[in-house]
Amino acid sequence: MGEKVSSRHWPVPVLVTFMAALSLVGSEQAPSPLVRATTVAALVTAFALTVWLRRRERRAYETRLADLAAAQAVAEDRLALSRELHDLVSGGLGAITVHAAVAQRLHRDPEGLRQALAQIEQAGHEATADLRRMLAVLRGGDAEAGCAATGTLWRRPRRGPGAAGGA
């Protein structure tokens, strides 16, 4: 991330400034022009150094804040993606589980069994298509292309046992 910067550097310019001011005030006779020029140069240098240090500290602080914000945004995106993937997979598997449970109880009704097995197959295809669309988006593709390829909508309502087409 760069050099570690702290506020402990500010006493150096302040000390230099204080010493330069004492050299002007502490003598009984008027200081020579060379001493005055040196003192003024030291004061200007101390001021410039103080300003430069403060700006460097501020830039380092802003960089750390930006890095933290970026890391937090990445973590939030990962959490949202994991939730979305969980919803896609668990929704499809839930529908398959419900239809399979119904199919087990329909062993005496061949037509009902065929219909339950067709619904299991359809739920498996839909879950796989949803997962493929999500992975296409994650890889940098767009959701509309994924939808066009599978012929379904990106966010379609989930079908449950009581919905149309459910078991």
Foldseek 3Di string as FASTA:
>chain_A
DDDDADPPPLVVLVVQLVVLVCVCVVDPDHDDPVSVVVSVVSNVVSVVVNVVSVVVNVVVVVVVVVVVVVVVVVVVVVVVLVVQLCCLQVLLVVLLVVLVVVLVVCPVPVVSNVLSVVSNVVSVLSSVLLNVLSVCVVVPHHNVVSCVVSVHHNDDDRDEQVHPSHD
